[in-house]
């Protein structure tokens, strides 16, 4: 399935500065791998850059996108093989696994969030963490970020372990997991706003927030091959500037009302309806006010290592398999974009 998104001159009704596009002859479509057609909130910057109702950054930096739907685990393979230009909103574990299997041409150029976003939602009979003993918890995969969230919350918060004290039950992602909870097939699930807000309205309870037990954690990374970057460096830097621009727009307090209205109209709840203002206000608080998002795409070393430490704690990564972080997380391109925008540069990670 392929979805083509191009700039719309009339869709962007939010307050935004006047932008001047680069010459039309410079345009080139960027082929992006995405796992879901809906907006993933912790990857909000890039999702807004590509969204038909937010054309400002595409118009300013003269960008076009071709979105290709594929499972998240396939993105590093497709990008490494040059079938796809950019892999959007994949996981650090997926990226590290691909790198260790030989995809040394891949780099992470941007992250979505640097503070955990997952919440543990359960049926009303579960009051606190100790009540998860003997329960079934929905998961789209044992090595996913959502399962990591469950394990860290229950291990660090109540000393409960998977397979011994509770069980994971295979479900799909997002709204599919929500349907399993609604039908009673599972007792709880890890999810994030606004899905968790919708479940609360249906009588379920947010029992825990992963950030209570894991203060730093990177959610969603954008990947690219070194070959594509060097061949299309100008285009790539424009893409990074667009992502930074979306992040700057989101974090600017003067845009709070406009951003909240955009969330209300363009984010969807289970079943496809609009999010609505009540939940949009809560979502703005969660992602923007609490600064869970990385507004410029950068994550400090301690946040990245938190992911790797959890992978090691769960037995999915050995010390010998941890790559030099600066070889995977290459923020030199981000720094070029920041310099050209007149914004402060970030600390790059060691190459060895």
Protein backbone atom coordinates (compact mmCIF):
# COMPACT_ATOMS: atom_id res chain seq x y z
CA UNK A 1 0.00 0.00 0.00
CA UNK A 2 1.38 3.40 -0.93
CA UNK A 3 0.14 6.76 0.18
CA UNK A 4 1.28 9.90 -1.62
CA UNK A 5 1.37 13.12 0.41
CA UNK A 6 2.15 16.47 -1.20
CA UNK A 7 1.84 20.01 0.02
CA UNK A 8 -1.60 21.56 0.28
CA UNK A 9 -1.89 25.32 -0.07
CA UNK A 10 -5.22 25.55 1.72
CA UNK A 11 -5.12 22.92 4.47
CA UNK A 12 -2.83 24.69 6.91
CA UNK A 13 -5.09 27.07 8.82
CA UNK A 14 -2.84 27.49 11.84
CA UNK A 15 -0.89 30.64 12.65
CA UNK A 16 2.52 30.31 10.95
CA UNK A 17 5.11 32.63 9.43
CA UNK A 18 5.27 33.23 5.71
CA UNK A 19 7.62 30.78 4.01
CA UNK A 20 9.47 31.05 0.72
CA UNK A 21 9.96 27.75 -1.10
CA UNK A 22 13.13 26.74 -2.85
CA UNK A 23 12.96 26.56 -6.66
CA UNK A 24 10.53 23.98 -8.00
CA UNK A 25 13.27 22.32 -10.04
CA UNK A 26 14.98 21.28 -6.79
CA UNK A 27 12.06 19.15 -5.63
CA UNK A 28 12.56 15.45 -5.13
CA UNK A 29 10.23 12.90 -3.56
CA UNK A 30 11.52 11.19 -0.42
CA UNK A 31 10.36 7.61 -0.01
CA UNK A 32 9.53 6.99 3.67
CA UNK A 33 8.84 3.69 5.42
CA UNK A 34 6.00 3.94 7.96
CA UNK A 35 4.37 1.23 10.08
CA UNK A 36 1.01 2.97 10.56
CA UNK A 37 -1.01 5.41 8.49
CA UNK A 38 -2.20 7.24 11.61
CA UNK A 39 -0.12 9.73 13.58
CA UNK A 40 2.14 8.18 16.19
CA UNK A 41 2.28 10.95 18.83
CA UNK A 42 5.83 10.31 20.04
CA UNK A 43 7.02 10.69 16.43
CA UNK A 44 4.97 13.84 16.03
CA UNK A 45 7.52 16.11 14.31
CA UNK A 46 8.01 14.02 11.19
CA UNK A 47 4.37 12.96 11.08
CA UNK A 48 3.33 16.62 11.01
CA UNK A 49 5.89 17.48 8.34
CA UNK A 50 4.28 14.86 6.09
CA UNK A 51 0.66 15.49 7.08
CA UNK A 52 -1.66 17.07 4.47
CA UNK A 53 -3.06 19.44 7.10
CA UNK A 54 0.36 20.83 8.04
CA UNK A 55 1.96 21.90 4.75
CA UNK A 56 4.01 24.83 6.09
CA UNK A 57 7.31 23.00 6.52
CA UNK A 58 6.97 21.09 3.24
CA UNK A 59 6.35 24.35 1.43
CA UNK A 60 9.18 26.18 3.15
CA UNK A 61 11.74 23.48 2.38
CA UNK A 62 10.22 22.26 -0.88
CA UNK A 63 9.65 18.66 0.15
CA UNK A 64 7.55 15.85 -1.26
CA UNK A 65 7.02 12.41 0.27
CA UNK A 66 6.01 8.95 -0.88
CA UNK A 67 4.92 6.91 2.13
CA UNK A 68 5.31 3.13 1.96
CA UNK A 69 3.57 0.98 4.57
CA UNK A 70 5.63 -1.88 5.97
CA UNK A 71 6.21 -3.54 9.33
CA UNK A 72 8.68 -1.73 11.59
CA UNK A 73 11.23 -4.55 11.59
CA UNK A 74 11.48 -4.33 7.80
CA UNK A 75 12.49 -0.65 7.73
CA UNK A 76 16.23 -1.11 8.43
CA UNK A 77 16.46 -3.79 5.74
CA UNK A 78 14.67 -1.62 3.18
CA UNK A 79 16.76 1.45 4.00
CA UNK A 80 20.04 -0.47 4.04
CA UNK A 81 19.18 -2.04 0.67
CA UNK A 82 18.25 1.41 -0.70
CA UNK A 83 14.66 0.38 -1.48
CA UNK A 84 13.47 3.14 0.90
CA UNK A 85 15.14 6.50 1.56
CA UNK A 86 14.08 7.10 5.17
CA UNK A 87 12.80 4.76 7.88
CA UNK A 88 10.54 6.70 10.21
CA UNK A 89 9.72 5.98 13.85
CA UNK A 90 11.40 2.60 14.22
CA UNK A 91 12.94 1.37 17.48
CA UNK A 92 16.48 1.47 18.83
CA UNK A 93 16.40 -2.29 19.41
CA UNK A 94 15.40 -2.88 15.77
CA UNK A 95 18.14 -0.55 14.57
CA UNK A 96 20.87 -2.07 16.78
CA UNK A 97 19.86 -5.57 15.76
CA UNK A 98 20.13 -4.63 12.07
CA UNK A 99 23.48 -2.93 12.63
CA UNK A 100 24.89 -5.99 14.41
CA UNK A 101 23.74 -8.17 11.54
CA UNK A 102 25.80 -6.15 9.08
CA UNK A 103 23.79 -3.04 8.17
CA UNK A 104 26.72 -0.78 9.05
CA UNK A 105 25.64 1.79 6.46
CA UNK A 106 22.66 2.86 8.61
CA UNK A 107 22.55 5.87 10.93
CA UNK A 108 19.96 7.39 13.24
CA UNK A 109 19.54 11.08 12.43
CA UNK A 110 16.59 12.02 14.64
CA UNK A 111 14.58 10.71 17.60
CA UNK A 112 10.94 11.20 18.49
CA UNK A 113 10.89 11.35 22.29
CA UNK A 114 13.49 11.22 25.05
CA UNK A 115 11.19 10.62 28.04
CA UNK A 116 9.04 7.44 28.15
CA UNK A 117 5.50 7.72 26.80
CA UNK A 118 3.97 4.33 27.62
CA UNK A 119 1.27 3.89 30.24
CA UNK A 120 -0.11 0.64 31.66
CA UNK A 121 -3.90 0.55 31.27
CA UNK A 122 -5.99 -2.15 32.97
CA UNK A 123 -9.52 -3.24 33.72
CA UNK A 124 -11.12 -1.59 36.78
CA UNK A 125 -10.51 -4.61 39.03
CA UNK A 126 -6.77 -3.91 38.96
CA UNK A 127 -6.06 -1.17 41.49
CA UNK A 128 -2.27 -1.17 41.76
CA UNK A 129 0.82 -2.97 40.44
CA UNK A 130 0.67 -5.98 42.77
CA UNK A 131 -2.75 -6.82 41.30
CA UNK A 132 -1.11 -7.74 37.97
CA UNK A 133 0.01 -11.07 39.43
CA UNK A 134 -1.61 -13.86 37.41
CA UNK A 135 -2.93 -11.48 34.74
CA UNK A 136 -2.65 -11.50 30.92
CA UNK A 137 -1.18 -8.41 29.29
CA UNK A 138 -1.49 -7.65 25.58
CA UNK A 139 1.68 -7.21 23.53
CA UNK A 140 2.46 -6.81 19.81
CA UNK A 141 5.80 -8.59 20.37
CA UNK A 142 8.03 -9.57 23.25
CA UNK A 143 10.94 -7.37 22.10
CA UNK A 144 8.86 -4.26 21.42
CA UNK A 145 9.09 -1.00 23.37
CA UNK A 146 5.60 -1.62 24.77
CA UNK A 147 6.63 -4.96 26.30
CA UNK A 148 9.78 -3.32 27.65
CA UNK A 149 7.56 -0.76 29.34
CA UNK A 150 5.46 -3.46 31.01
CA UNK A 151 8.50 -5.34 32.25
CA UNK A 152 10.20 -2.27 33.69
CA UNK A 153 7.04 -0.98 35.38
CA UNK A 154 6.15 -4.31 36.99
CA UNK A 155 9.70 -5.36 37.84
CA UNK A 156 10.83 -2.04 39.30
CA UNK A 157 7.46 -1.15 40.79
CA UNK A 158 6.28 -4.47 42.21
CA UNK A 159 9.01 -7.09 41.67
CA UNK A 160 6.84 -9.02 39.18
CA UNK A 161 8.42 -10.95 36.30
CA UNK A 162 6.94 -12.11 32.96
CA UNK A 163 6.23 -15.81 32.63
CA UNK A 164 6.43 -16.23 36.38
CA UNK A 165 4.00 -13.66 37.77
CA UNK A 166 2.07 -12.61 34.65
CA UNK A 167 1.88 -13.52 30.97
CA UNK A 168 2.13 -11.65 27.72
CA UNK A 169 -0.60 -12.42 25.19
CA UNK A 170 0.08 -11.74 21.51
CA UNK A 171 -2.08 -8.97 20.08
CA UNK A 172 -1.70 -6.48 17.30
CA UNK A 173 -0.61 -2.91 17.86
CA UNK A 174 -2.52 0.26 18.73
CA UNK A 175 -6.27 -0.02 18.33
CA UNK A 176 -6.12 -3.81 17.87
CA UNK A 177 -4.76 -4.18 21.38
CA UNK A 178 -7.41 -1.79 22.64
CA UNK A 179 -10.10 -4.02 21.09
CA UNK A 180 -8.66 -7.04 22.92
CA UNK A 181 -8.90 -5.17 26.22
CA UNK A 182 -12.42 -3.97 25.51
CA UNK A 183 -13.54 -7.54 24.73
CA UNK A 184 -11.99 -8.96 27.91
CA UNK A 185 -9.42 -11.14 26.10
CA UNK A 186 -6.65 -9.47 28.09
CA UNK A 187 -6.54 -7.80 31.49
CA UNK A 188 -4.26 -4.90 30.60
CA UNK A 189 -2.13 -3.36 27.89
CA UNK A 190 0.72 -0.89 27.47
CA UNK A 191 -0.24 2.08 25.35
CA UNK A 192 0.15 5.85 25.17
CA UNK A 193 -2.02 8.95 24.87
CA UNK A 194 -4.43 9.53 23.25
CA UNK A 195 -5.34 5.78 23.16
CA UNK A 196 -5.04 5.59 26.95
CA UNK A 197 -7.35 8.60 27.32
CA UNK A 198 -9.99 6.97 25.15
CA UNK A 199 -9.78 3.78 27.25
CA UNK A 200 -10.22 5.83 30.43
CA UNK A 201 -13.46 7.24 29.04
CA UNK A 202 -14.60 3.63 28.54
CA UNK A 203 -14.03 2.79 32.20
CA UNK A 204 -10.47 1.47 32.23
CA UNK A 205 -7.70 2.76 34.46
CA UNK A 206 -4.20 4.13 33.83
CA UNK A 207 -2.39 2.26 36.60
CA UNK A 208 1.17 3.41 35.90
CA UNK A 209 3.33 5.67 33.76
CA UNK A 210 6.64 4.22 32.57
CA UNK A 211 8.40 7.54 33.23
CA UNK A 212 7.97 6.90 36.98
CA UNK A 213 10.29 3.91 36.71
CA UNK A 214 12.40 4.79 33.65
CA UNK A 215 13.20 8.54 33.74
CA UNK A 216 14.97 8.54 30.35
CA UNK A 217 14.14 6.45 27.29
CA UNK A 218 14.17 7.10 23.55
CA UNK A 219 10.97 6.32 21.65
CA UNK A 220 10.99 6.32 17.85
CA UNK A 221 14.13 6.85 15.77
CA UNK A 222 14.43 7.98 12.14
CA UNK A 223 17.04 6.16 10.06
CA UNK A 224 18.79 6.65 6.74
CA UNK A 225 21.71 5.13 4.84
CA UNK A 226 25.02 6.98 4.60
CA UNK A 227 25.02 6.52 0.83
CA UNK A 228 21.64 8.23 0.41
CA UNK A 229 22.70 11.12 2.64
CA UNK A 230 25.89 11.82 0.72
CA UNK A 231 24.07 11.60 -2.60
CA UNK A 232 21.21 13.84 -1.45
CA UNK A 233 22.81 15.96 1.26
CA UNK A 234 21.01 19.22 0.41
CA UNK A 235 17.64 17.48 0.37
CA UNK A 236 18.46 15.68 3.61
CA UNK A 237 19.42 18.89 5.42
CA UNK A 238 16.18 20.48 4.22
CA UNK A 239 14.30 17.52 5.67
CA UNK A 240 16.03 17.92 9.02
CA UNK A 241 15.26 21.64 9.04
CA UNK A 242 11.60 20.87 8.39
CA UNK A 243 11.54 18.42 11.29
CA UNK A 244 13.22 20.98 13.57
CA UNK A 245 10.76 23.61 12.39
CA UNK A 246 7.80 21.43 13.32
CA UNK A 247 9.34 20.81 16.74
CA UNK A 248 9.97 24.51 17.30
CA UNK A 249 6.37 25.28 16.33
CA UNK A 250 5.08 22.70 18.80
CA UNK A 251 7.18 23.90 21.75
CA UNK A 252 6.44 27.60 21.26
CA UNK A 253 3.96 28.58 24.03
CA UNK A 254 2.30 31.12 21.73
CA UNK A 255 1.18 28.20 19.52
CA UNK A 256 -0.45 26.21 22.33
CA UNK A 257 -4.02 27.00 21.28
CA UNK A 258 -3.32 26.31 17.61
CA UNK A 259 -1.43 23.10 18.36
CA UNK A 260 -4.19 21.84 20.61
CA UNK A 261 -6.81 22.58 17.94
CA UNK A 262 -4.65 20.73 15.39
CA UNK A 263 -4.43 17.68 17.66
CA UNK A 264 -8.19 17.75 18.23
CA UNK A 265 -8.95 17.68 14.53
CA UNK A 266 -6.17 15.52 13.08
CA UNK A 267 -5.46 12.83 15.67
CA UNK A 268 -7.84 9.89 15.76
CA UNK A 269 -9.35 7.76 18.51
CA UNK A 270 -10.30 4.09 18.22
CA UNK A 271 -12.80 3.75 15.40
CA UNK A 272 -11.38 6.69 13.44
CA UNK A 273 -13.19 9.63 15.05
CA UNK A 274 -11.54 12.96 15.79
CA UNK A 275 -9.70 13.28 19.08
CA UNK A 276 -11.67 16.29 20.32
CA UNK A 277 -10.58 19.24 22.44
CA UNK A 278 -10.79 17.66 25.90
CA UNK A 279 -8.32 14.91 25.05
CA UNK A 280 -6.23 17.25 22.88
CA UNK A 281 -5.63 19.51 25.88
CA UNK A 282 -4.45 16.52 27.93
CA UNK A 283 -2.26 15.33 25.09
CA UNK A 284 -0.59 18.75 24.79
CA UNK A 285 0.18 18.62 28.52
CA UNK A 286 1.61 15.10 28.27
CA UNK A 287 3.83 15.47 25.20
CA UNK A 288 4.58 19.18 24.97
CA UNK A 289 4.35 20.72 28.44
CA UNK A 290 6.06 17.74 30.08
CA UNK A 291 8.70 17.88 27.30
CA UNK A 292 8.58 14.17 26.52
CA UNK A 293 9.19 14.89 22.85
CA UNK A 294 12.61 15.73 21.46
CA UNK A 295 11.75 18.99 19.74
CA UNK A 296 14.94 19.15 17.67
CA UNK A 297 15.45 15.40 17.16
CA UNK A 298 18.36 15.06 19.60
CA UNK A 299 18.69 12.61 22.48
CA UNK A 300 21.50 12.79 25.06
CA UNK A 301 23.73 9.80 25.62
CA UNK A 302 22.12 8.84 28.93
CA UNK A 303 18.69 8.52 27.28
CA UNK A 304 20.06 6.28 24.53
CA UNK A 305 21.98 4.14 27.00
CA UNK A 306 18.79 3.68 29.02
CA UNK A 307 17.32 1.78 26.07
CA UNK A 308 20.44 -0.33 25.67
CA UNK A 309 20.63 -1.07 29.40
CA UNK A 310 17.04 -2.34 29.35
CA UNK A 311 17.83 -4.58 26.36
CA UNK A 312 20.78 -6.01 28.31
CA UNK A 313 18.66 -6.39 31.46
CA UNK A 314 16.06 -8.33 29.51
CA UNK A 315 18.72 -10.58 27.94
CA UNK A 316 18.35 -9.33 24.37
CA UNK A 317 21.72 -7.59 24.09
CA UNK A 318 25.23 -8.44 25.30
CA UNK A 319 27.85 -5.90 26.29
CA UNK A 320 29.93 -7.05 23.33
CA UNK A 321 27.03 -6.24 21.00
CA UNK A 322 26.68 -2.60 22.03
CA UNK A 323 28.05 -0.57 19.11
CA UNK A 324 29.95 2.72 19.44
CA UNK A 325 27.02 5.07 19.82
CA UNK A 326 28.46 7.76 17.56
CA UNK A 327 28.59 5.28 14.69
CA UNK A 328 24.84 4.71 14.86
CA UNK A 329 23.59 8.06 16.21
CA UNK A 330 25.15 10.56 13.85
CA UNK A 331 24.03 14.02 14.91
CA UNK A 332 26.52 15.85 12.68
CA UNK A 333 23.81 16.44 10.08
CA UNK A 334 21.47 17.72 12.78
CA UNK A 335 24.21 20.13 13.84
CA UNK A 336 24.63 21.37 10.28
CA UNK A 337 20.91 22.09 10.09
CA UNK A 338 20.95 23.78 13.51
CA UNK A 339 23.89 25.99 12.51
CA UNK A 340 22.18 27.07 9.32
CA UNK A 341 19.02 27.86 11.30
CA UNK A 342 21.01 29.88 13.84
CA UNK A 343 20.11 27.48 16.69
CA UNK A 344 22.41 26.01 19.37
CA UNK A 345 24.29 22.89 18.36
CA UNK A 346 24.09 19.60 20.30
CA UNK A 347 26.77 17.36 21.74
CA UNK A 348 27.66 14.58 19.32
CA UNK A 349 28.29 11.05 20.57
CA UNK A 350 31.72 9.35 20.60
CA UNK A 351 32.60 7.42 17.42
CA UNK A 352 34.60 4.79 19.28
